[in-house]
C-alpha atoms as a PDB file:
ATOM      1  CA  MET A   1     -20.018 174.871-101.937  1.00  0.00           C
ATOM      2  CA  SER A   2     -19.354 177.420-104.910  1.00  0.00           C
ATOM      3  CA  ASP A   3     -19.178 180.268-102.374  1.00  0.00           C
ATOM      4  CA  PHE A   4     -16.086 178.812-100.965  1.00  0.00           C
ATOM      5  CA  TRP A   5     -14.048 178.260-103.917  1.00  0.00           C
ATOM      6  CA  PRO A   6     -11.972 180.814-106.346  1.00  0.00           C
ATOM      7  CA  GLU A   7     -12.886 179.558-109.298  1.00  0.00           C
ATOM      8  CA  ILE A   8     -15.725 176.613-110.140  1.00  0.00           C
ATOM      9  CA  ALA A   9     -17.119 174.368-107.994  1.00  0.00           C
ATOM     10  CA  PRO A  10     -16.331 170.987-107.895  1.00  0.00           C
ATOM     11  CA  ALA A  11     -17.921 168.973-110.813  1.00  0.00           C
ATOM     12  CA  ARG A  12     -18.402 165.543-108.842  1.00  0.00           C
ATOM     13  CA  ARG A  13     -17.963 164.800-104.834  1.00  0.00           C
ATOM     14  CA  SER A  14     -15.766 162.227-105.412  1.00  0.00           C
ATOM     15  CA  ALA A  15     -12.888 165.294-106.328  1.00  0.00           C
ATOM     16  CA  MET A  16     -13.132 166.773-103.032  1.00  0.00           C
ATOM     17  CA  ALA A  17     -11.668 165.911-100.099  1.00  0.00           C
ATOM     18  CA  LEU A  18     -12.243 167.132 -95.843  1.00  0.00           C
ATOM     19  CA  LEU A  19      -8.593 167.451 -94.481  1.00  0.00           C
ATOM     20  CA  ILE A  20      -8.950 167.124 -90.589  1.00  0.00           C
ATOM     21  CA  ILE A  21      -5.506 168.187 -89.314  1.00  0.00           C
ATOM     22  CA  ASP A  22      -3.752 167.374 -86.321  1.00  0.00           C
ATOM     23  CA  MET A  23      -6.928 167.241 -83.757  1.00  0.00           C
ATOM     24  CA  GLN A  24      -4.956 165.467 -81.327  1.00  0.00           C
ATOM     25  CA  ILE A  25      -4.706 164.682 -78.086  1.00  0.00           C
ATOM     26  CA  ASP A  26      -1.539 166.756 -77.252  1.00  0.00           C
ATOM     27  CA  PHE A  27      -2.648 169.684 -79.045  1.00  0.00           C
ATOM     28  CA  CYS A  28      -6.549 169.509 -77.836  1.00  0.00           C
ATOM     29  CA  ALA A  29      -6.907 168.608 -74.500  1.00  0.00           C
ATOM     30  CA  PRO A  30      -6.195 168.793 -71.383  1.00  0.00           C
ATOM     31  CA  GLY A  31      -3.759 166.753 -69.704  1.00  0.00           C
ATOM     32  CA  GLY A  32      -1.828 166.964 -73.332  1.00  0.00           C
ATOM     33  CA  TRP A  33       1.826 168.639 -74.419  1.00  0.00           C
ATOM     34  CA  VAL A  34       0.524 172.166 -74.942  1.00  0.00           C
ATOM     35  CA  ASP A  35      -1.537 172.286 -72.102  1.00  0.00           C
ATOM     36  CA  GLN A  36       2.065 171.268 -70.353  1.00  0.00           C
ATOM     37  CA  LEU A  37       3.643 173.274 -71.624  1.00  0.00           C
ATOM     38  CA  GLY A  38       1.325 176.252 -69.707  1.00  0.00           C
ATOM     39  CA  GLU A  39      -0.795 177.106 -72.764  1.00  0.00           C
ATOM     40  CA  ASP A  40      -4.184 177.175 -72.733  1.00  0.00           C
ATOM     41  CA  VAL A  41      -6.111 174.848 -74.940  1.00  0.00           C
ATOM     42  CA  SER A  42      -9.161 176.493 -74.944  1.00  0.00           C
ATOM     43  CA  ASN A  43      -8.900 177.944 -79.063  1.00  0.00           C
ATOM     44  CA  THR A  44      -7.909 174.596 -79.783  1.00  0.00           C
ATOM     45  CA  ARG A  45     -10.563 172.707 -77.774  1.00  0.00           C
ATOM     46  CA  ALA A  46     -13.197 174.892 -79.271  1.00  0.00           C
ATOM     47  CA  MET A  47     -12.676 173.303 -82.583  1.00  0.00           C
ATOM     48  CA  ILE A  48     -13.612 169.963 -81.904  1.00  0.00           C
ATOM     49  CA  ALA A  49     -17.665 170.575 -82.510  1.00  0.00           C
ATOM     50  CA  PRO A  50     -17.398 172.820 -85.086  1.00  0.00           C
ATOM     51  CA  ILE A  51     -15.217 170.021 -86.976  1.00  0.00           C
ATOM     52  CA  GLN A  52     -17.502 167.105 -85.801  1.00  0.00           C
ATOM     53  CA  ARG A  53     -20.602 169.204 -87.511  1.00  0.00           C
ATOM     54  CA  VAL A  54     -18.732 169.915 -90.793  1.00  0.00           C
ATOM     55  CA  LEU A  55     -17.426 165.674 -90.267  1.00  0.00           C
ATOM     56  CA  ALA A  56     -20.641 164.772 -89.720  1.00  0.00           C
ATOM     57  CA  ALA A  57     -22.018 166.685 -93.140  1.00  0.00           C
ATOM     58  CA  ALA A  58     -19.104 165.314 -94.996  1.00  0.00           C
ATOM     59  CA  ARG A  59     -19.747 161.575 -94.111  1.00  0.00           C
ATOM     60  CA  VAL A  60     -23.413 162.031 -95.492  1.00  0.00           C
ATOM     61  CA  ALA A  61     -22.218 163.681 -98.618  1.00  0.00           C
ATOM     62  CA  GLY A  62     -19.709 160.913 -99.500  1.00  0.00           C
ATOM     63  CA  ILE A  63     -17.312 162.781 -99.485  1.00  0.00           C
ATOM     64  CA  THR A  64     -13.983 162.053 -98.239  1.00  0.00           C
ATOM     65  CA  VAL A  65     -12.240 162.194 -95.383  1.00  0.00           C
ATOM     66  CA  ILE A  66      -8.797 162.544 -94.121  1.00  0.00           C
ATOM     67  CA  HIS A  67      -7.035 163.174 -90.888  1.00  0.00           C
ATOM     68  CA  THR A  68      -3.553 164.024 -90.065  1.00  0.00           C
ATOM     69  CA  ARG A  69      -1.359 163.458 -87.222  1.00  0.00           C
ATOM     70  CA  GLU A  70       1.717 164.718 -86.352  1.00  0.00           C
ATOM     71  CA  GLY A  71       4.344 162.607 -84.614  1.00  0.00           C
ATOM     72  CA  HIS A  72       7.620 161.165 -84.944  1.00  0.00           C
ATOM     73  CA  LYS A  73       9.005 157.877 -84.857  1.00  0.00           C
ATOM     74  CA  PRO A  74       9.784 156.421 -81.643  1.00  0.00           C
ATOM     75  CA  ASP A  75      13.599 155.462 -82.059  1.00  0.00           C
ATOM     76  CA  LEU A  76      13.488 159.813 -83.192  1.00  0.00           C
ATOM     77  CA  SER A  77      15.309 159.266 -86.795  1.00  0.00           C
ATOM     78  CA  ASP A  78      12.789 161.172 -88.309  1.00  0.00           C
ATOM     79  CA  LEU A  79      13.199 164.220 -85.942  1.00  0.00           C
ATOM     80  CA  PRO A  80      15.584 166.510 -87.261  1.00  0.00           C
ATOM     81  CA  ALA A  81      17.296 168.471 -84.250  1.00  0.00           C
ATOM     82  CA  ASN A  82      16.677 171.546 -84.667  1.00  0.00           C
ATOM     83  CA  LYS A  83      13.280 171.378 -84.498  1.00  0.00           C
ATOM     84  CA  GLN A  84      13.291 168.806 -80.823  1.00  0.00           C
ATOM     85  CA  TRP A  85      15.641 171.812 -79.879  1.00  0.00           C
ATOM     86  CA  ARG A  86      12.507 174.232 -81.266  1.00  0.00           C
ATOM     87  CA  THR A  87      10.324 172.122 -78.679  1.00  0.00           C
ATOM     88  CA  ARG A  88      13.417 172.074 -76.104  1.00  0.00           C
ATOM     89  CA  VAL A  89      13.375 175.609 -75.747  1.00  0.00           C
ATOM     90  CA  HIS A  90       9.418 175.684 -73.984  1.00  0.00           C
ATOM     91  CA  GLY A  91      10.655 173.356 -71.678  1.00  0.00           C
ATOM     92  CA  LEU A  92       9.501 169.872 -72.836  1.00  0.00           C
ATOM     93  CA  GLY A  93      10.177 168.955 -76.125  1.00  0.00           C
ATOM     94  CA  ILE A  94       9.400 166.142 -78.939  1.00  0.00           C
ATOM     95  CA  GLY A  95      10.332 162.470 -77.312  1.00  0.00           C
ATOM     96  CA  ASP A  96      10.455 164.016 -73.731  1.00  0.00           C
ATOM     97  CA  MET A  97       8.250 162.173 -71.462  1.00  0.00           C
ATOM     98  CA  GLY A  98       5.014 163.945 -70.554  1.00  0.00           C
ATOM     99  CA  ALA A  99       1.674 163.200 -68.524  1.00  0.00           C
ATOM    100  CA  THR A 100       0.240 161.444 -72.061  1.00  0.00           C
ATOM    101  CA  GLY A 101       3.142 159.174 -72.979  1.00  0.00           C
ATOM    102  CA  ARG A 102       6.511 160.295 -75.154  1.00  0.00           C
ATOM    103  CA  ILE A 103       5.470 164.026 -76.444  1.00  0.00           C
ATOM    104  CA  LEU A 104       3.938 163.570 -80.415  1.00  0.00           C
ATOM    105  CA  VAL A 105       5.576 160.315 -80.822  1.00  0.00           C
ATOM    106  CA  ARG A 106       3.819 157.741 -83.269  1.00  0.00           C
ATOM    107  CA  GLY A 107       1.780 155.522 -81.039  1.00  0.00           C
ATOM    108  CA  GLU A 108       2.048 157.260 -77.755  1.00  0.00           C
ATOM    109  CA  PRO A 109      -1.636 158.560 -76.077  1.00  0.00           C
ATOM    110  CA  GLY A 110      -1.325 162.135 -76.576  1.00  0.00           C
ATOM    111  CA  TRP A 111      -0.340 161.602 -80.255  1.00  0.00           C
ATOM    112  CA  GLN A 112      -4.266 159.766 -81.176  1.00  0.00           C
ATOM    113  CA  ILE A 113      -6.635 161.769 -82.326  1.00  0.00           C
ATOM    114  CA  VAL A 114      -9.296 163.177 -79.882  1.00  0.00           C
ATOM    115  CA  PRO A 115     -11.476 160.466 -79.394  1.00  0.00           C
ATOM    116  CA  GLU A 116     -14.589 163.021 -80.076  1.00  0.00           C
ATOM    117  CA  LEU A 117     -13.522 162.626 -84.074  1.00  0.00           C
ATOM    118  CA  ALA A 118     -12.094 159.882 -84.078  1.00  0.00           C
ATOM    119  CA  PRO A 119     -11.623 158.196 -87.439  1.00  0.00           C
ATOM    120  CA  ILE A 120     -14.279 155.715 -89.111  1.00  0.00           C
ATOM    121  CA  ASP A 121     -13.529 152.526 -90.995  1.00  0.00           C
ATOM    122  CA  GLY A 122     -12.055 153.885 -94.427  1.00  0.00           C
ATOM    123  CA  GLU A 123     -11.062 157.226 -93.597  1.00  0.00           C
ATOM    124  CA  LEU A 124      -7.245 158.056 -94.328  1.00  0.00           C
ATOM    125  CA  ILE A 125      -5.058 158.482 -91.521  1.00  0.00           C
ATOM    126  CA  ILE A 126      -2.208 160.710 -93.070  1.00  0.00           C
ATOM    127  CA  ASP A 127       0.691 160.350 -90.262  1.00  0.00           C
ATOM    128  CA  LYS A 128       3.557 162.826 -90.364  1.00  0.00           C
ATOM    129  CA  PRO A 129       6.891 163.751 -89.321  1.00  0.00           C
ATOM    130  CA  GLY A 130       6.536 167.821 -90.385  1.00  0.00           C
ATOM    131  CA  LYS A 131       4.159 170.619 -90.251  1.00  0.00           C
ATOM    132  CA  SER A 132       3.163 169.700 -94.018  1.00  0.00           C
ATOM    133  CA  SER A 133       0.994 166.688 -94.375  1.00  0.00           C
ATOM    134  CA  PHE A 134       2.402 166.450 -97.735  1.00  0.00           C
ATOM    135  CA  TYR A 135       6.190 166.307 -96.331  1.00  0.00           C
ATOM    136  CA  ALA A 136       7.101 162.566 -96.043  1.00  0.00           C
ATOM    137  CA  THR A 137       3.621 161.209 -96.501  1.00  0.00           C
ATOM    138  CA  ASP A 138       1.997 160.129 -99.403  1.00  0.00           C
ATOM    139  CA  LEU A 139      -1.226 162.437 -99.526  1.00  0.00           C
ATOM    140  CA  GLU A 140      -0.400 163.395-102.747  1.00  0.00           C
ATOM    141  CA  GLU A 141      -0.516 159.963-104.304  1.00  0.00           C
ATOM    142  CA  GLN A 142      -3.271 158.985-102.001  1.00  0.00           C
ATOM    143  CA  LEU A 143      -5.201 162.428-103.322  1.00  0.00           C
ATOM    144  CA  GLN A 144      -3.710 161.313-107.260  1.00  0.00           C
ATOM    145  CA  GLN A 145      -5.502 157.921-106.833  1.00  0.00           C
ATOM    146  CA  ARG A 146      -8.799 158.990-105.787  1.00  0.00           C
ATOM    147  CA  GLY A 147      -8.498 161.599-108.255  1.00  0.00           C
ATOM    148  CA  ILE A 148      -9.173 164.440-105.878  1.00  0.00           C
ATOM    149  CA  ASP A 149      -8.050 167.932-106.893  1.00  0.00           C
ATOM    150  CA  ARG A 150     -10.083 170.406-104.330  1.00  0.00           C
ATOM    151  CA  LEU A 151      -9.170 170.115-100.315  1.00  0.00           C
ATOM    152  CA  VAL A 152     -11.479 171.389 -97.823  1.00  0.00           C
ATOM    153  CA  ILE A 153      -8.628 171.984 -94.599  1.00  0.00           C
ATOM    154  CA  VAL A 154      -9.298 172.728 -91.142  1.00  0.00           C
ATOM    155  CA  GLY A 155      -8.158 171.424 -88.228  1.00  0.00           C
ATOM    156  CA  VAL A 156      -4.767 173.014 -85.601  1.00  0.00           C
ATOM    157  CA  THR A 157      -3.349 175.220 -86.239  1.00  0.00           C
ATOM    158  CA  SER A 158      -4.079 177.914 -88.463  1.00  0.00           C
ATOM    159  CA  ASP A 159      -0.316 179.530 -88.200  1.00  0.00           C
ATOM    160  CA  CYS A 160       1.264 176.577 -88.622  1.00  0.00           C
ATOM    161  CA  CYS A 161       0.345 173.266 -90.033  1.00  0.00           C
ATOM    162  CA  VAL A 162      -2.478 173.992 -91.261  1.00  0.00           C
ATOM    163  CA  GLN A 163      -0.888 176.912 -93.049  1.00  0.00           C
ATOM    164  CA  SER A 164       2.253 174.626 -94.255  1.00  0.00           C
ATOM    165  CA  THR A 165      -0.798 172.225 -96.313  1.00  0.00           C
ATOM    166  CA  PHE A 166      -3.041 174.428 -97.341  1.00  0.00           C
ATOM    167  CA  ARG A 167       0.410 176.258 -99.340  1.00  0.00           C
ATOM    168  CA  ASP A 168       2.004 173.266-100.416  1.00  0.00           C
ATOM    169  CA  GLY A 169      -1.921 171.602-101.876  1.00  0.00           C
ATOM    170  CA  PHE A 170      -1.425 174.551-103.209  1.00  0.00           C
ATOM    171  CA  GLY A 171       1.576 174.074-105.151  1.00  0.00           C
ATOM    172  CA  ARG A 172       1.079 170.967-106.161  1.00  0.00           C
ATOM    173  CA  GLY A 173      -1.911 172.423-107.955  1.00  0.00           C
ATOM    174  CA  LEU A 174      -4.914 171.627-105.695  1.00  0.00           C
ATOM    175  CA  ALA A 175      -7.843 173.780-104.868  1.00  0.00           C
ATOM    176  CA  CYS A 176      -7.403 174.782-101.415  1.00  0.00           C
ATOM    177  CA  VAL A 177      -9.315 176.283 -99.057  1.00  0.00           C
ATOM    178  CA  VAL A 178      -9.487 176.959 -95.219  1.00  0.00           C
ATOM    179  CA  LEU A 179     -12.802 177.243 -93.399  1.00  0.00           C
ATOM    180  CA  GLN A 180     -11.426 179.827 -91.283  1.00  0.00           C
ATOM    181  CA  HIS A 181     -14.039 179.325 -88.419  1.00  0.00           C
ATOM    182  CA  TRP A 182     -13.345 175.429 -88.240  1.00  0.00           C
ATOM    183  CA  THR A 183      -9.377 176.106 -87.671  1.00  0.00           C
ATOM    184  CA  ALA A 184      -7.374 177.861 -84.631  1.00  0.00           C
ATOM    185  CA  GLY A 185      -3.693 178.725 -83.153  1.00  0.00           C
ATOM    186  CA  VAL A 186      -3.135 178.106 -79.682  1.00  0.00           C
ATOM    187  CA  ARG A 187      -2.757 181.887 -79.502  1.00  0.00           C
ATOM    188  CA  ALA A 188      -5.467 183.853 -80.869  1.00  0.00           C
ATOM    189  CA  GLY A 189      -3.288 186.529 -82.210  1.00  0.00           C
ATOM    190  CA  ASN A 190      -1.560 183.823 -83.530  1.00  0.00           C
ATOM    191  CA  HIS A 191      -4.709 182.198 -85.622  1.00  0.00           C
ATOM    192  CA  ALA A 192      -5.147 186.212 -86.966  1.00  0.00           C
END
C-alpha cells in the first residue's frame, strides 16, 4: 500500500478505511435516475466489478469498510431549494417520482446500494444529504472513534461526491487517496 500514500504507509490496518461512495441504483443501474435522465450508465456501472475486487480484499484484510448513500428525508426537509431546482432542470429532480421510486429519497428502491456491493453486517453505512460524505453526517466522529486517519476512496461520481469527500477529508487532517480506476463520472470527460 505504501505506493499509494503521499507519505509513510499506515502502521496498522485499523487506521485505514475503504470508503465506497454512492454505488446506488439511481447512479449505477439501468432504470435508475441517471438512466432515466437519458445518460449512459456504463461508466458508473463499470465500477461495480473493480470495486467488488477491492471490497473483497479489504474484507479479507480486516480493513474497515464504509458505504455511503446520497439521499434525502421523505419530507425533503434536508433538501436545499437550489439543489432541487438544479436537478429538475434536467427533467427529473430529487424527490420526483421515477421508475425506481422517488429520486434520491431515503428508503426508496433507487436509493439502495447496488446488490453486487451490498454491505455486510458490521460495515458502516453513512447516509448523506449532500455531496461530501462529511456534510451533515457523523462520518468524522465514526472515524475518530475507530482511530482511522487514512481513507481509500472509490465510487461515483469522481467529479462530484468523490472529489468533495476527498477535499473535506483532507481538510480534516486525514490522509486520503482516490483509486482512479475505481471511480467514474457519468461522462468520461467529467472524470478526466
